[in-house]
């Protein structure tokens, strides 16, 4: 992860933890969330693509950080745990 990517992730995570987490985990658990950290704007979607597209549309040329509300990671790749 590059320094810019680390900063983007850290800034967006801070926004999520301080401003969004409590409410969104009650109202939009399992939704995907894109956070554009420079503006603080956030975008929800039923899929990762929907959230990313909404962020791109609102802020073309800027990068957004994507996560899944209520989860440690946005996606899980691999076998299911039994």
PDB file of N, CA and C in Angstrom:
ATOM      1  N   UNK A   1       0.856  -1.169   0.000  1.00  0.00           N
ATOM      2  CA  UNK A   1       0.000   0.000   0.000  1.00  0.00           C
ATOM      3  C   UNK A   1       0.902   1.233   0.000  1.00  0.00           C
ATOM      4  N   UNK A   2       0.622   2.160  -0.880  1.00  0.00           N
ATOM      5  CA  UNK A   2       1.421   3.377  -0.956  1.00  0.00           C
ATOM      6  C   UNK A   2       1.061   4.327   0.181  1.00  0.00           C
ATOM      7  N   UNK A   3       1.919   5.314   0.379  1.00  0.00           N
ATOM      8  CA  UNK A   3       1.658   6.307   1.424  1.00  0.00           C
ATOM      9  C   UNK A   3       0.320   7.004   1.193  1.00  0.00           C
ATOM     10  N   UNK A   4       0.036   7.367  -0.068  1.00  0.00           N
ATOM     11  CA  UNK A   4      -1.243   8.021  -0.374  1.00  0.00           C
ATOM     12  C   UNK A   4      -2.421   7.110  -0.067  1.00  0.00           C
ATOM     13  N   UNK A   5      -2.282   5.826  -0.391  1.00  0.00           N
ATOM     14  CA  UNK A   5      -3.357   4.871  -0.111  1.00  0.00           C
ATOM     15  C   UNK A   5      -3.553   4.698   1.387  1.00  0.00           C
ATOM     16  N   UNK A   6      -2.452   4.678   2.125  1.00  0.00           N
ATOM     17  CA  UNK A   6      -2.543   4.553   3.582  1.00  0.00           C
ATOM     18  C   UNK A   6      -3.232   5.774   4.186  1.00  0.00           C
ATOM     19  N   UNK A   7      -2.906   6.939   3.693  1.00  0.00           N
ATOM     20  CA  UNK A   7      -3.536   8.170   4.186  1.00  0.00           C
ATOM     21  C   UNK A   7      -5.018   8.191   3.848  1.00  0.00           C
ATOM     22  N   UNK A   8      -5.361   7.800   2.624  1.00  0.00           N
ATOM     23  CA  UNK A   8      -6.761   7.736   2.214  1.00  0.00           C
ATOM     24  C   UNK A   8      -7.530   6.804   3.135  1.00  0.00           C
ATOM     25  N   UNK A   9      -6.987   5.613   3.365  1.00  0.00           N
ATOM     26  CA  UNK A   9      -7.649   4.631   4.227  1.00  0.00           C
ATOM     27  C   UNK A   9      -7.772   5.145   5.654  1.00  0.00           C
ATOM     28  N   UNK A  10      -6.716   5.745   6.178  1.00  0.00           N
ATOM     29  CA  UNK A  10      -6.742   6.254   7.551  1.00  0.00           C
ATOM     30  C   UNK A  10      -7.763   7.379   7.706  1.00  0.00           C
ATOM     31  N   UNK A  11      -7.786   8.298   6.757  1.00  0.00           N
ATOM     32  CA  UNK A  11      -8.731   9.424   6.835  1.00  0.00           C
ATOM     33  C   UNK A  11     -10.176   8.952   6.715  1.00  0.00           C
ATOM     34  N   UNK A  12     -10.430   8.050   5.788  1.00  0.00           N
ATOM     35  CA  UNK A  12     -11.788   7.542   5.609  1.00  0.00           C
ATOM     36  C   UNK A  12     -12.229   6.710   6.810  1.00  0.00           C
ATOM     37  N   UNK A  13     -11.329   5.909   7.344  1.00  0.00           N
ATOM     38  CA  UNK A  13     -11.656   5.106   8.521  1.00  0.00           C
ATOM     39  C   UNK A  13     -11.993   5.993   9.705  1.00  0.00           C
ATOM     40  N   UNK A  14     -11.275   7.072   9.859  1.00  0.00           N
ATOM     41  CA  UNK A  14     -11.548   8.025  10.942  1.00  0.00           C
ATOM     42  C   UNK A  14     -12.952   8.625  10.777  1.00  0.00           C
ATOM     43  N   UNK A  15     -13.304   9.000   9.562  1.00  0.00           N
ATOM     44  CA  UNK A  15     -14.651   9.533   9.290  1.00  0.00           C
ATOM     45  C   UNK A  15     -15.705   8.490   9.642  1.00  0.00           C
ATOM     46  N   UNK A  16     -15.472   7.255   9.207  1.00  0.00           N
ATOM     47  CA  UNK A  16     -16.423   6.177   9.497  1.00  0.00           C
ATOM     48  C   UNK A  16     -16.582   5.987  11.006  1.00  0.00           C
ATOM     49  N   UNK A  17     -15.473   5.850  11.699  1.00  0.00           N
ATOM     50  CA  UNK A  17     -15.516   5.576  13.133  1.00  0.00           C
ATOM     51  C   UNK A  17     -16.155   6.721  13.920  1.00  0.00           C
ATOM     52  N   UNK A  18     -15.828   7.952  13.570  1.00  0.00           N
ATOM     53  CA  UNK A  18     -16.285   9.099  14.355  1.00  0.00           C
ATOM     54  C   UNK A  18     -17.662   9.613  13.974  1.00  0.00           C
ATOM     55  N   UNK A  19     -18.035   9.496  12.697  1.00  0.00           N
ATOM     56  CA  UNK A  19     -19.272  10.147  12.253  1.00  0.00           C
ATOM     57  C   UNK A  19     -20.350   9.200  11.741  1.00  0.00           C
ATOM     58  N   UNK A  20     -19.978   8.037  11.241  1.00  0.00           N
ATOM     59  CA  UNK A  20     -20.940   7.221  10.514  1.00  0.00           C
ATOM     60  C   UNK A  20     -21.267   5.877  11.157  1.00  0.00           C
ATOM     61  N   UNK A  21     -20.322   5.270  11.793  1.00  0.00           N
ATOM     62  CA  UNK A  21     -20.435   3.884  12.247  1.00  0.00           C
ATOM     63  C   UNK A  21     -21.680   3.610  13.089  1.00  0.00           C
ATOM     64  N   UNK A  22     -21.875   4.381  14.131  1.00  0.00           N
ATOM     65  CA  UNK A  22     -22.970   4.099  15.062  1.00  0.00           C
ATOM     66  C   UNK A  22     -24.325   4.067  14.349  1.00  0.00           C
ATOM     67  N   UNK A  23     -24.605   5.075  13.555  1.00  0.00           N
ATOM     68  CA  UNK A  23     -25.898   5.145  12.868  1.00  0.00           C
ATOM     69  C   UNK A  23     -26.016   4.109  11.753  1.00  0.00           C
ATOM     70  N   UNK A  24     -24.981   4.005  10.907  1.00  0.00           N
ATOM     71  CA  UNK A  24     -25.076   3.107   9.768  1.00  0.00           C
ATOM     72  C   UNK A  24     -25.136   1.638  10.174  1.00  0.00           C
ATOM     73  N   UNK A  25     -24.492   1.272  11.271  1.00  0.00           N
ATOM     74  CA  UNK A  25     -24.567  -0.125  11.699  1.00  0.00           C
ATOM     75  C   UNK A  25     -25.958  -0.475  12.210  1.00  0.00           C
ATOM     76  N   UNK A  26     -26.728   0.523  12.612  1.00  0.00           N
ATOM     77  CA  UNK A  26     -28.124   0.302  13.019  1.00  0.00           C
ATOM     78  C   UNK A  26     -29.042   0.252  11.803  1.00  0.00           C
ATOM     79  N   UNK A  27     -28.787   1.115  10.828  1.00  0.00           N
ATOM     80  CA  UNK A  27     -29.746   1.307   9.738  1.00  0.00           C
ATOM     81  C   UNK A  27     -29.350   0.664   8.406  1.00  0.00           C
ATOM     82  N   UNK A  28     -28.064   0.421   8.186  1.00  0.00           N
ATOM     83  CA  UNK A  28     -27.609  -0.080   6.885  1.00  0.00           C
ATOM     84  C   UNK A  28     -26.553  -1.177   7.011  1.00  0.00           C
ATOM     85  N   UNK A  29     -26.697  -2.046   8.003  1.00  0.00           N
ATOM     86  CA  UNK A  29     -25.758  -3.139   8.206  1.00  0.00           C
ATOM     87  C   UNK A  29     -25.680  -3.988   6.938  1.00  0.00           C
ATOM     88  N   UNK A  30     -24.492  -4.379   6.545  1.00  0.00           N
ATOM     89  CA  UNK A  30     -24.203  -5.188   5.349  1.00  0.00           C
ATOM     90  C   UNK A  30     -24.175  -4.388   4.051  1.00  0.00           C
ATOM     91  N   UNK A  31     -24.541  -3.119   4.060  1.00  0.00           N
ATOM     92  CA  UNK A  31     -24.440  -2.301   2.850  1.00  0.00           C
ATOM     93  C   UNK A  31     -22.965  -1.997   2.574  1.00  0.00           C
ATOM     94  N   UNK A  32     -22.685  -1.644   1.347  1.00  0.00           N
ATOM     95  CA  UNK A  32     -21.348  -1.185   0.986  1.00  0.00           C
ATOM     96  C   UNK A  32     -21.319   0.330   1.088  1.00  0.00           C
ATOM     97  N   UNK A  33     -20.163   0.852   1.469  1.00  0.00           N
ATOM     98  CA  UNK A  33     -20.014   2.268   1.737  1.00  0.00           C
ATOM     99  C   UNK A  33     -18.741   2.781   1.085  1.00  0.00           C
ATOM    100  N   UNK A  34     -18.873   3.862   0.337  1.00  0.00           N
ATOM    101  CA  UNK A  34     -17.717   4.553  -0.231  1.00  0.00           C
ATOM    102  C   UNK A  34     -17.604   5.895   0.483  1.00  0.00           C
ATOM    103  N   UNK A  35     -16.410   6.204   0.968  1.00  0.00           N
ATOM    104  CA  UNK A  35     -16.157   7.477   1.643  1.00  0.00           C
ATOM    105  C   UNK A  35     -15.111   8.240   0.853  1.00  0.00           C
ATOM    106  N   UNK A  36     -15.454   9.465   0.466  1.00  0.00           N
ATOM    107  CA  UNK A  36     -14.500  10.357  -0.190  1.00  0.00           C
ATOM    108  C   UNK A  36     -13.947  11.232   0.928  1.00  0.00           C
ATOM    109  N   UNK A  37     -12.724  10.970   1.389  1.00  0.00           N
ATOM    110  CA  UNK A  37     -12.247  11.589   2.616  1.00  0.00           C
ATOM    111  C   UNK A  37     -11.970  13.086   2.553  1.00  0.00           C
ATOM    112  N   UNK A  38     -11.698  13.651   1.392  1.00  0.00           N
ATOM    113  CA  UNK A  38     -11.441  15.091   1.333  1.00  0.00           C
ATOM    114  C   UNK A  38     -12.698  15.893   1.664  1.00  0.00           C
ATOM    115  N   UNK A  39     -13.840  15.440   1.166  1.00  0.00           N
ATOM    116  CA  UNK A  39     -15.105  16.132   1.415  1.00  0.00           C
ATOM    117  C   UNK A  39     -15.838  15.569   2.631  1.00  0.00           C
ATOM    118  N   UNK A  40     -15.558  14.297   2.937  1.00  0.00           N
ATOM    119  CA  UNK A  40     -16.304  13.615   3.991  1.00  0.00           C
ATOM    120  C   UNK A  40     -17.602  13.020   3.485  1.00  0.00           C
ATOM    121  N   UNK A  41     -17.882  13.191   2.191  1.00  0.00           N
ATOM    122  CA  UNK A  41     -19.107  12.626   1.621  1.00  0.00           C
ATOM    123  C   UNK A  41     -19.044  11.104   1.644  1.00  0.00           C
ATOM    124  N   UNK A  42     -20.211  10.501   1.818  1.00  0.00           N
ATOM    125  CA  UNK A  42     -20.267   9.041   1.798  1.00  0.00           C
ATOM    126  C   UNK A  42     -21.454   8.588   0.954  1.00  0.00           C
ATOM    127  N   UNK A  43     -21.311   7.375   0.414  1.00  0.00           N
ATOM    128  CA  UNK A  43     -22.278   6.844  -0.544  1.00  0.00           C
ATOM    129  C   UNK A  43     -22.526   5.381  -0.227  1.00  0.00           C
ATOM    130  N   UNK A  44     -23.785   5.021  -0.085  1.00  0.00           N
ATOM    131  CA  UNK A  44     -24.173   3.650   0.216  1.00  0.00           C
ATOM    132  C   UNK A  44     -24.630   2.938  -1.049  1.00  0.00           C
ATOM    133  N   UNK A  45     -24.436   1.633  -1.069  1.00  0.00           N
ATOM    134  CA  UNK A  45     -24.926   0.827  -2.177  1.00  0.00           C
ATOM    135  C   UNK A  45     -25.195  -0.590  -1.727  1.00  0.00           C
ATOM    136  N   UNK A  46     -26.072  -1.253  -2.429  1.00  0.00           N
ATOM    137  CA  UNK A  46     -26.337  -2.659  -2.157  1.00  0.00           C
ATOM    138  C   UNK A  46     -25.203  -3.548  -2.629  1.00  0.00           C
ATOM    139  N   UNK A  47     -24.393  -3.013  -3.538  1.00  0.00           N
ATOM    140  CA  UNK A  47     -23.207  -3.719  -4.017  1.00  0.00           C
ATOM    141  C   UNK A  47     -22.010  -2.784  -3.925  1.00  0.00           C
ATOM    142  N   UNK A  48     -20.834  -3.366  -3.977  1.00  0.00           N
ATOM    143  CA  UNK A  48     -19.609  -2.579  -3.980  1.00  0.00           C
ATOM    144  C   UNK A  48     -19.588  -1.648  -5.182  1.00  0.00           C
ATOM    145  N   UNK A  49     -20.019  -2.145  -6.335  1.00  0.00           N
ATOM    146  CA  UNK A  49     -20.041  -1.343  -7.560  1.00  0.00           C
ATOM    147  C   UNK A  49     -20.971  -0.145  -7.451  1.00  0.00           C
ATOM    148  N   UNK A  50     -22.126  -0.323  -6.836  1.00  0.00           N
ATOM    149  CA  UNK A  50     -23.068   0.788  -6.675  1.00  0.00           C
ATOM    150  C   UNK A  50     -22.480   1.904  -5.812  1.00  0.00           C
ATOM    151  N   UNK A  51     -21.863   1.541  -4.707  1.00  0.00           N
ATOM    152  CA  UNK A  51     -21.274   2.544  -3.821  1.00  0.00           C
ATOM    153  C   UNK A  51     -20.124   3.266  -4.518  1.00  0.00           C
ATOM    154  N   UNK A  52     -19.272   2.515  -5.213  1.00  0.00           N
ATOM    155  CA  UNK A  52     -18.137   3.111  -5.923  1.00  0.00           C
ATOM    156  C   UNK A  52     -18.608   4.030  -7.042  1.00  0.00           C
ATOM    157  N   UNK A  53     -19.625   3.612  -7.786  1.00  0.00           N
ATOM    158  CA  UNK A  53     -20.138   4.421  -8.893  1.00  0.00           C
ATOM    159  C   UNK A  53     -20.731   5.734  -8.385  1.00  0.00           C
ATOM    160  N   UNK A  54     -21.422   5.689  -7.268  1.00  0.00           N
ATOM    161  CA  UNK A  54     -22.004   6.906  -6.709  1.00  0.00           C
ATOM    162  C   UNK A  54     -20.905   7.884  -6.288  1.00  0.00           C
ATOM    163  N   UNK A  55     -19.843   7.376  -5.700  1.00  0.00           N
ATOM    164  CA  UNK A  55     -18.729   8.236  -5.300  1.00  0.00           C
ATOM    165  C   UNK A  55     -18.043   8.833  -6.521  1.00  0.00           C
ATOM    166  N   UNK A  56     -17.836   8.014  -7.559  1.00  0.00           N
ATOM    167  CA  UNK A  56     -17.202   8.499  -8.801  1.00  0.00           C
ATOM    168  C   UNK A  56     -18.037   9.563  -9.480  1.00  0.00           C
ATOM    169  N   UNK A  57     -19.348   9.371  -9.481  1.00  0.00           N
ATOM    170  CA  UNK A  57     -20.245  10.335 -10.113  1.00  0.00           C
ATOM    171  C   UNK A  57     -20.206  11.679  -9.382  1.00  0.00           C
ATOM    172  N   UNK A  58     -20.200  11.637  -8.061  1.00  0.00           N
ATOM    173  CA  UNK A  58     -20.197  12.863  -7.270  1.00  0.00           C
ATOM    174  C   UNK A  58     -18.833  13.552  -7.258  1.00  0.00           C
ATOM    175  N   UNK A  59     -17.772  12.758  -7.331  1.00  0.00           N
ATOM    176  CA  UNK A  59     -16.408  13.297  -7.233  1.00  0.00           C
ATOM    177  C   UNK A  59     -15.506  12.657  -8.294  1.00  0.00           C
ATOM    178  N   UNK A  60     -15.723  12.987  -9.569  1.00  0.00           N
ATOM    179  CA  UNK A  60     -14.890  12.397 -10.622  1.00  0.00           C
ATOM    180  C   UNK A  60     -13.418  12.750 -10.392  1.00  0.00           C
ATOM    181  N   UNK A  61     -12.563  11.774 -10.611  1.00  0.00           N
ATOM    182  CA  UNK A  61     -11.134  12.008 -10.473  1.00  0.00           C
ATOM    183  C   UNK A  61     -10.597  11.883  -9.058  1.00  0.00           C
ATOM    184  N   UNK A  62     -11.467  11.709  -8.088  1.00  0.00           N
ATOM    185  CA  UNK A  62     -11.016  11.517  -6.708  1.00  0.00           C
ATOM    186  C   UNK A  62     -11.152  10.046  -6.337  1.00  0.00           C
ATOM    187  N   UNK A  63     -10.330   9.630  -5.417  1.00  0.00           N
ATOM    188  CA  UNK A  63     -10.413   8.252  -4.946  1.00  0.00           C
ATOM    189  C   UNK A  63     -11.282   8.180  -3.696  1.00  0.00           C
ATOM    190  N   UNK A  64     -11.979   7.083  -3.571  1.00  0.00           N
ATOM    191  CA  UNK A  64     -12.812   6.844  -2.393  1.00  0.00           C
ATOM    192  C   UNK A  64     -12.339   5.560  -1.724  1.00  0.00           C
ATOM    193  N   UNK A  65     -12.629   5.456  -0.460  1.00  0.00           N
ATOM    194  CA  UNK A  65     -12.320   4.260   0.319  1.00  0.00           C
ATOM    195  C   UNK A  65     -13.613   3.470   0.465  1.00  0.00           C
ATOM    196  N   UNK A  66     -13.546   2.174   0.187  1.00  0.00           N
ATOM    197  CA  UNK A  66     -14.748   1.339   0.229  1.00  0.00           C
ATOM    198  C   UNK A  66     -14.673   0.340   1.368  1.00  0.00           C
ATOM    199  N   UNK A  67     -15.806   0.169   2.029  1.00  0.00           N
ATOM    200  CA  UNK A  67     -15.898  -0.810   3.101  1.00  0.00           C
ATOM    201  C   UNK A  67     -17.317  -1.349   3.156  1.00  0.00           C
ATOM    202  N   UNK A  68     -17.517  -2.326   4.001  1.00  0.00           N
ATOM    203  CA  UNK A  68     -18.847  -2.877   4.199  1.00  0.00           C
ATOM    204  C   UNK A  68     -19.274  -2.567   5.621  1.00  0.00           C
ATOM    205  N   UNK A  69     -20.424  -1.979   5.753  1.00  0.00           N
ATOM    206  CA  UNK A  69     -20.912  -1.535   7.054  1.00  0.00           C
ATOM    207  C   UNK A  69     -21.050  -2.733   7.995  1.00  0.00           C
ATOM    208  N   UNK A  70     -20.370  -2.626   9.138  1.00  0.00           N
ATOM    209  CA  UNK A  70     -20.452  -3.663  10.157  1.00  0.00           C
ATOM    210  C   UNK A  70     -19.472  -4.799   9.992  1.00  0.00           C
ATOM    211  N   UNK A  71     -18.539  -4.692   9.035  1.00  0.00           N
ATOM    212  CA  UNK A  71     -17.577  -5.760   8.784  1.00  0.00           C
ATOM    213  C   UNK A  71     -16.156  -5.208   8.814  1.00  0.00           C
ATOM    214  N   UNK A  72     -15.201  -6.089   9.074  1.00  0.00           N
ATOM    215  CA  UNK A  72     -13.796  -5.673   9.089  1.00  0.00           C
ATOM    216  C   UNK A  72     -13.254  -5.439   7.693  1.00  0.00           C
ATOM    217  N   UNK A  73     -13.789  -6.130   6.701  1.00  0.00           N
ATOM    218  CA  UNK A  73     -13.348  -5.974   5.317  1.00  0.00           C
ATOM    219  C   UNK A  73     -14.547  -5.798   4.405  1.00  0.00           C
ATOM    220  N   UNK A  74     -14.306  -5.244   3.219  1.00  0.00           N
ATOM    221  CA  UNK A  74     -15.393  -5.050   2.255  1.00  0.00           C
ATOM    222  C   UNK A  74     -15.799  -6.371   1.617  1.00  0.00           C
ATOM    223  N   UNK A  75     -14.819  -7.208   1.318  1.00  0.00           N
ATOM    224  CA  UNK A  75     -15.097  -8.505   0.690  1.00  0.00           C
ATOM    225  C   UNK A  75     -14.237  -9.576   1.332  1.00  0.00           C
ATOM    226  N   UNK A  76     -14.689 -10.816   1.233  1.00  0.00           N
ATOM    227  CA  UNK A  76     -13.932 -11.960   1.717  1.00  0.00           C
ATOM    228  C   UNK A  76     -13.727 -12.881   0.522  1.00  0.00           C
ATOM    229  N   UNK A  77     -12.503 -13.246   0.287  1.00  0.00           N
ATOM    230  CA  UNK A  77     -12.182 -14.146  -0.805  1.00  0.00           C
ATOM    231  C   UNK A  77     -11.616 -15.417  -0.204  1.00  0.00           C
ATOM    232  N   UNK A  78     -12.183 -16.538  -0.588  1.00  0.00           N
ATOM    233  CA  UNK A  78     -11.684 -17.813  -0.073  1.00  0.00           C
ATOM    234  C   UNK A  78     -12.812 -18.677   0.399  1.00  0.00           C
ATOM    235  N   UNK A  79     -12.428 -19.804   0.956  1.00  0.00           N
ATOM    236  CA  UNK A  79     -13.393 -20.792   1.431  1.00  0.00           C
ATOM    237  C   UNK A  79     -14.093 -20.281   2.670  1.00  0.00           C
ATOM    238  N   UNK A  80     -15.319 -20.698   2.829  1.00  0.00           N
ATOM    239  CA  UNK A  80     -16.085 -20.346   4.022  1.00  0.00           C
ATOM    240  C   UNK A  80     -15.526 -21.091   5.234  1.00  0.00           C
ATOM    241  N   UNK A  81     -15.545 -20.436   6.375  1.00  0.00           N
ATOM    242  CA  UNK A  81     -15.097 -21.084   7.608  1.00  0.00           C
ATOM    243  C   UNK A  81     -16.198 -21.994   8.122  1.00  0.00           C
ATOM    244  N   UNK A  82     -15.810 -23.128   8.627  1.00  0.00           N
ATOM    245  CA  UNK A  82     -16.809 -24.057   9.167  1.00  0.00           C
ATOM    246  C   UNK A  82     -16.634 -24.247  10.640  1.00  0.00           C
TER     247      UNK A  82
END
